[in-house]
Amino acid sequence: MTAASGVLHKEYHEEEFSKTGGEFQMVQLWVNLPAKDKMSTPKYQGITNEQISKYELPDNAGIIEVIAGNYKGTKGAASTFTPVNLQNAKLNKGGKAFFTFPSNYNTALLIIEGSIKVNNNEVIPTDHFGLFENKGEDFAIEALENSIVLILSGEPINEPIFAHGPFVMNTREEIIDAMNDVSAGKFGHLED
C-alpha cells in the first residue's frame, strides 16, 4: 500500500480465518517515499503468492521469492518509487544463497524462522535483524536449519525524516499539515 497523499485503512483477515484461527505470519514494513512523491495518489498492490516470482536455488538449497527488485534475472512484481530489493529466502538446512547489491544501498536481513550463518562467519538466530555496513554488499547466507530470511536492500533517499504516529514526512510542519488533513476528513472515512 502506498499511503502517499492520504488513505485510511484497516487490516482484516480472511473471514474464515477470523472464525477458526490458525497460524499467521506477517511482516509489516514501512518504506519512506522521496519528498517529491509524498503527495502522490495513494495506491494498493495486491500481490498474491501466485504472482510472486520464484527462483529455485541449485542442489535443493531452497527458493528465493522475489517481491521487489531482482534476483539473478528474476524480477519482483511490486513497483517502488526508489530502487528496492525485497526477497524472501526459504532455505533448506545446509542450503546456501548468494546476494549482490550496490555498496551504497542499505541492506539488512530479518530471520523469520530458523538460523543462518552469513559469509561463513556471523550466526543470526530467529527473530533477529542483521544490518550491513554499506562496504560492498556481496554476501552469502547458509541455513543452519530450515530457515526463512527476509532480505531488504534499497538505495538511500538521503532526506530528513520526521515521524509522528502513523505519519512519516520530512519536517514537523508537514506532519502538522497531515494531521490537519486527517481532522478535516481529507484521508477518507473508515467503514465497518
Protein backbone atom coordinates (compact mmCIF):
# COMPACT_ATOMS: atom_id res chain seq x y z
CA MET A 1 0.00 0.00 0.00
CA THR A 2 1.26 3.47 -0.84
CA ALA A 3 -0.39 5.87 1.60
CA ALA A 4 1.20 8.92 -0.07
CA SER A 5 -1.28 11.84 -0.12
CA GLY A 6 -3.52 10.05 2.32
CA VAL A 7 -5.53 6.92 2.84
CA LEU A 8 -7.14 5.46 5.94
CA HIS A 9 -7.15 1.68 6.21
CA LYS A 10 -7.95 -1.22 8.47
CA GLU A 11 -6.27 -4.58 8.12
CA TYR A 12 -8.62 -7.57 8.04
CA HIS A 13 -8.00 -11.28 7.87
CA GLU A 14 -9.98 -13.56 5.58
CA GLU A 15 -13.41 -14.21 7.14
CA GLU A 16 -12.98 -17.95 7.70
CA PHE A 17 -9.53 -17.43 9.27
CA SER A 18 -11.06 -14.85 11.60
CA LYS A 19 -13.56 -17.50 12.77
CA THR A 20 -11.28 -20.52 13.09
CA GLY A 21 -7.83 -19.04 13.61
CA GLY A 22 -4.57 -20.80 12.85
CA GLU A 23 -1.01 -19.87 12.13
CA PHE A 24 -0.49 -16.44 10.65
CA GLN A 25 2.86 -14.92 9.78
CA MET A 26 3.31 -11.33 8.70
CA VAL A 27 5.98 -8.66 8.45
CA GLN A 28 4.85 -5.07 8.11
CA LEU A 29 7.45 -2.78 6.55
CA TRP A 30 7.25 0.97 6.14
CA VAL A 31 9.31 2.27 3.25
CA ASN A 32 9.83 6.02 3.10
CA LEU A 33 8.98 7.93 -0.09
CA PRO A 34 11.13 10.69 -1.54
CA ALA A 35 9.75 14.15 -0.69
CA LYS A 36 8.75 14.70 -4.34
CA ASP A 37 6.46 11.62 -4.18
CA LYS A 38 4.94 12.01 -0.72
CA MET A 39 1.76 13.63 -2.05
CA SER A 40 1.26 11.24 -4.99
CA THR A 41 -2.03 9.37 -5.43
CA PRO A 42 -2.48 6.55 -2.90
CA LYS A 43 -2.48 3.02 -4.32
CA TYR A 44 -2.62 -0.61 -3.30
CA GLN A 45 -0.73 -3.52 -4.86
CA GLY A 46 -2.46 -6.79 -4.01
CA ILE A 47 0.29 -9.31 -4.84
CA THR A 48 -0.77 -12.91 -4.27
CA ASN A 49 1.59 -15.83 -3.69
CA GLU A 50 0.95 -16.97 -7.27
CA GLN A 51 2.19 -13.58 -8.55
CA ILE A 52 5.44 -13.66 -6.58
CA SER A 53 8.37 -14.63 -8.81
CA LYS A 54 10.39 -17.56 -7.52
CA TYR A 55 13.99 -18.51 -8.22
CA GLU A 56 14.86 -22.14 -7.47
CA LEU A 57 18.32 -22.49 -5.96
CA PRO A 58 20.58 -25.35 -7.13
CA ASP A 59 21.22 -28.51 -5.11
CA ASN A 60 17.81 -28.40 -3.39
CA ALA A 61 19.02 -25.41 -1.34
CA GLY A 62 15.58 -23.75 -1.41
CA ILE A 63 13.92 -20.87 -3.23
CA ILE A 64 14.15 -17.09 -3.36
CA GLU A 65 10.79 -15.34 -3.58
CA VAL A 66 11.35 -12.02 -5.32
CA ILE A 67 8.75 -9.49 -4.17
CA ALA A 68 10.50 -6.33 -5.40
CA GLY A 69 13.72 -5.82 -7.29
CA ASN A 70 15.72 -8.57 -8.94
CA TYR A 71 17.48 -11.82 -8.02
CA LYS A 72 19.69 -13.34 -10.76
CA GLY A 73 17.36 -12.07 -13.50
CA THR A 74 14.12 -12.97 -11.71
CA LYS A 75 12.12 -9.77 -11.21
CA GLY A 76 9.59 -8.98 -8.49
CA ALA A 77 6.02 -7.81 -9.18
CA ALA A 78 5.97 -4.89 -6.73
CA SER A 79 6.56 -1.40 -8.07
CA THR A 80 8.57 1.00 -5.93
CA PHE A 81 9.38 4.73 -6.01
CA THR A 82 13.11 4.17 -5.47
CA PRO A 83 15.27 1.09 -6.15
CA VAL A 84 14.30 -1.55 -3.56
CA ASN A 85 15.05 -5.27 -3.35
CA LEU A 86 12.71 -7.29 -1.13
CA GLN A 87 13.27 -11.02 -1.20
CA ASN A 88 12.21 -13.97 0.90
CA ALA A 89 14.82 -16.75 1.07
CA LYS A 90 13.27 -20.09 2.04
CA LEU A 91 16.31 -22.27 2.62
CA ASN A 92 16.57 -25.93 3.47
CA LYS A 93 19.07 -26.94 6.16
CA GLY A 94 22.56 -26.52 4.67
CA GLY A 95 21.17 -24.51 1.73
CA LYS A 96 23.17 -21.51 0.57
CA ALA A 97 22.21 -18.37 -1.33
CA PHE A 98 24.44 -15.61 -2.68
CA PHE A 99 23.46 -11.95 -2.98
CA THR A 100 24.97 -8.86 -4.61
CA PHE A 101 23.67 -5.32 -4.06
CA PRO A 102 25.29 -1.93 -4.74
CA SER A 103 27.64 -0.92 -1.93
CA ASN A 104 25.77 2.33 -1.26
CA TYR A 105 22.45 0.53 -0.61
CA ASN A 106 21.17 -0.02 2.92
CA THR A 107 21.00 -3.80 3.28
CA ALA A 108 19.59 -5.93 6.09
CA LEU A 109 18.35 -9.42 6.94
CA LEU A 110 15.42 -10.39 9.16
CA ILE A 111 15.42 -14.01 10.28
CA ILE A 112 11.77 -15.10 10.32
CA GLU A 113 12.40 -18.80 11.05
CA GLY A 114 15.48 -20.89 11.71
CA SER A 115 19.01 -19.54 11.91
CA ILE A 116 21.66 -18.68 9.36
CA LYS A 117 25.36 -18.05 9.02
CA VAL A 118 26.47 -15.01 6.99
CA ASN A 119 29.72 -15.33 5.00
CA ASN A 120 30.71 -18.47 6.94
CA ASN A 121 31.12 -16.24 9.99
CA GLU A 122 28.27 -14.45 11.78
CA VAL A 123 25.36 -16.56 13.09
CA ILE A 124 21.96 -14.85 13.18
CA PRO A 125 19.12 -16.68 15.01
CA THR A 126 15.34 -16.49 14.64
CA ASP A 127 13.73 -13.08 15.25
CA HIS A 128 17.00 -11.20 14.85
CA PHE A 129 17.90 -8.41 12.46
CA GLY A 130 21.27 -8.13 10.73
CA LEU A 131 22.29 -4.75 9.32
CA PHE A 132 25.18 -4.46 6.86
CA GLU A 133 27.76 -1.64 6.94
CA ASN A 134 27.49 -0.47 3.28
CA LYS A 135 31.02 -1.59 2.43
CA GLY A 136 30.06 -3.64 -0.59
CA GLU A 137 27.13 -5.99 -0.34
CA ASP A 138 28.31 -9.28 -1.80
CA PHE A 139 27.42 -11.91 0.76
CA ALA A 140 26.31 -15.49 1.25
CA ILE A 141 23.86 -16.96 3.72
CA GLU A 142 23.72 -20.59 4.81
CA ALA A 143 20.77 -22.14 6.65
CA LEU A 144 21.84 -23.91 9.84
CA GLU A 145 18.32 -25.38 9.92
CA ASN A 146 15.29 -24.91 7.66
CA SER A 147 15.04 -21.11 7.55
CA ILE A 148 13.09 -18.18 6.19
CA VAL A 149 15.07 -14.97 5.75
CA LEU A 150 13.72 -11.62 4.58
CA ILE A 151 16.37 -9.76 2.58
CA LEU A 152 15.96 -6.00 2.30
CA SER A 153 18.18 -3.70 0.27
CA GLY A 154 17.49 -0.27 -1.14
CA GLU A 155 19.00 2.94 -2.32
CA PRO A 156 19.10 5.58 0.44
CA ILE A 157 16.90 8.62 -0.14
CA ASN A 158 19.20 10.88 1.92
CA GLU A 159 16.43 13.21 3.09
CA PRO A 160 15.42 14.19 6.60
CA ILE A 161 12.74 12.08 8.30
CA PHE A 162 10.18 13.41 10.75
CA ALA A 163 7.70 10.85 12.10
CA HIS A 164 4.72 11.11 14.43
CA GLY A 165 2.18 8.33 14.91
CA PRO A 166 1.37 6.82 11.51
CA PHE A 167 2.83 9.80 9.62
CA VAL A 168 6.30 9.96 8.09
CA MET A 169 7.23 13.23 6.45
CA ASN A 170 10.36 15.38 6.11
CA THR A 171 9.55 18.21 8.54
CA ARG A 172 7.48 18.91 11.64
CA GLU A 173 5.37 21.36 9.62
CA GLU A 174 4.47 18.63 7.11
CA ILE A 175 3.36 16.37 9.98
CA ILE A 176 1.11 19.12 11.32
CA ASP A 177 -0.38 19.58 7.82
CA ALA A 178 -1.04 15.83 7.56
CA MET A 179 -2.73 15.74 10.98
CA ASN A 180 -4.89 18.70 9.96
CA ASP A 181 -5.83 16.90 6.72
CA VAL A 182 -6.96 13.82 8.70
CA SER A 183 -9.01 16.02 11.04
CA ALA A 184 -10.63 17.66 8.02
CA GLY A 185 -11.61 14.24 6.54
CA LYS A 186 -9.30 14.52 3.54
CA PHE A 187 -7.97 10.94 4.01
CA GLY A 188 -11.41 9.38 3.60
CA HIS A 189 -13.61 7.50 6.06
CA LEU A 190 -13.36 4.00 7.50
CA GLU A 191 -16.37 1.75 7.16
CA ASP A 192 -17.11 -1.36 9.20
